[in-house]
Amino acid sequence: MENYKFDTLKKEVQKIIDLIASKNNSEANNKLAEVSEMLDELLDFSEDDEDLMEISRYQVLLNQLHQKINASDDQDIDV
């Protein structure tokens, strides 16, 4: 399996997590959109089942991060 395809993706997802941890939700949201585009490109050109499964895992993770960012934004408004 060629994991190098996902190395950049993994690093970018970590940046999103770091931005969320530092409560920089606006920048995290921007980075999330950027990484989502990368993921879509990988999906468009991947045919290998293992790659598709890995992409699916990242899609789930990005969805969870998106929910986390939005939940944090909602809490900031209520305060």
Protein backbone atom coordinates (compact mmCIF):
# COMPACT_ATOMS: atom_id res chain seq x y z
CA MET A 1 0.00 0.00 0.00
CA GLU A 2 1.29 3.43 -0.93
CA ASN A 3 0.87 5.53 2.21
CA TYR A 4 2.88 8.43 0.79
CA LYS A 5 -0.30 9.61 -0.96
CA PHE A 6 -1.77 10.36 2.43
CA ASP A 7 1.26 11.88 4.16
CA THR A 8 0.41 15.44 3.17
CA LEU A 9 -3.24 14.87 3.95
CA LYS A 10 -2.35 13.58 7.42
CA LYS A 11 -0.17 16.63 8.14
CA GLU A 12 -2.89 19.03 6.97
CA VAL A 13 -5.52 17.32 9.13
CA GLN A 14 -3.18 17.69 12.10
CA LYS A 15 -2.98 21.42 11.35
CA ILE A 16 -6.78 21.60 11.51
CA ILE A 17 -6.76 19.84 14.87
CA ASP A 18 -4.08 22.22 16.16
CA LEU A 19 -6.10 25.24 14.99
CA ILE A 20 -9.20 23.93 16.74
CA ALA A 21 -7.19 23.36 19.93
CA SER A 22 -5.94 26.96 19.79
CA LYS A 23 -9.55 28.13 19.27
CA ASN A 24 -8.75 29.59 15.86
CA ASN A 25 -11.97 28.31 14.31
CA SER A 26 -11.99 30.67 11.35
CA GLU A 27 -8.59 29.50 10.18
CA ALA A 28 -9.50 25.89 10.99
CA ASN A 29 -12.57 26.22 8.79
CA ASN A 30 -10.44 27.59 5.93
CA LYS A 31 -7.93 24.76 6.29
CA LEU A 32 -10.80 22.25 6.43
CA ALA A 33 -12.12 23.49 3.07
CA GLU A 34 -8.62 23.24 1.61
CA VAL A 35 -8.13 19.68 2.85
CA SER A 36 -11.59 18.69 1.65
CA GLU A 37 -10.56 19.73 -1.85
CA MET A 38 -7.40 17.64 -1.59
CA LEU A 39 -9.48 14.69 -0.47
CA ASP A 40 -11.90 15.15 -3.38
CA GLU A 41 -8.99 15.14 -5.83
CA LEU A 42 -7.64 11.93 -4.31
CA LEU A 43 -11.08 10.39 -4.57
CA ASP A 44 -11.39 11.38 -8.23
CA PHE A 45 -8.16 9.64 -9.19
CA SER A 46 -8.13 6.63 -6.86
CA GLU A 47 -9.12 3.19 -8.05
CA ASP A 48 -7.47 1.01 -5.43
CA ASP A 49 -9.88 -0.33 -2.79
CA GLU A 50 -7.41 0.30 0.04
CA ASP A 51 -7.03 3.92 -1.04
CA LEU A 52 -10.80 4.33 -1.20
CA MET A 53 -11.15 2.93 2.32
CA GLU A 54 -8.49 5.33 3.60
CA ILE A 55 -10.19 8.25 1.85
CA SER A 56 -13.46 7.22 3.47
CA ARG A 57 -11.82 7.33 6.91
CA TYR A 58 -10.55 10.84 6.23
CA GLN A 59 -14.00 11.92 5.05
CA VAL A 60 -15.49 10.77 8.36
CA LEU A 61 -12.74 12.54 10.29
CA LEU A 62 -13.22 15.78 8.34
CA ASN A 63 -16.97 15.62 8.99
CA GLN A 64 -16.32 15.23 12.71
CA LEU A 65 -13.87 18.13 12.68
CA HIS A 66 -16.42 20.25 10.81
CA GLN A 67 -19.01 19.49 13.50
CA LYS A 68 -16.50 20.32 16.22
CA ILE A 69 -15.69 23.68 14.62
CA ASN A 70 -19.35 24.55 14.22
CA ALA A 71 -20.19 23.44 17.76
CA SER A 72 -17.42 25.68 19.07
CA ASP A 73 -18.69 28.60 17.00
CA ASP A 74 -22.21 28.08 18.39
CA GLN A 75 -20.88 28.06 21.96
CA ASP A 76 -18.93 31.28 21.34
CA ILE A 77 -22.11 33.01 20.22
CA ASP A 78 -24.09 31.89 23.28
CA VAL A 79 -21.52 33.21 25.77
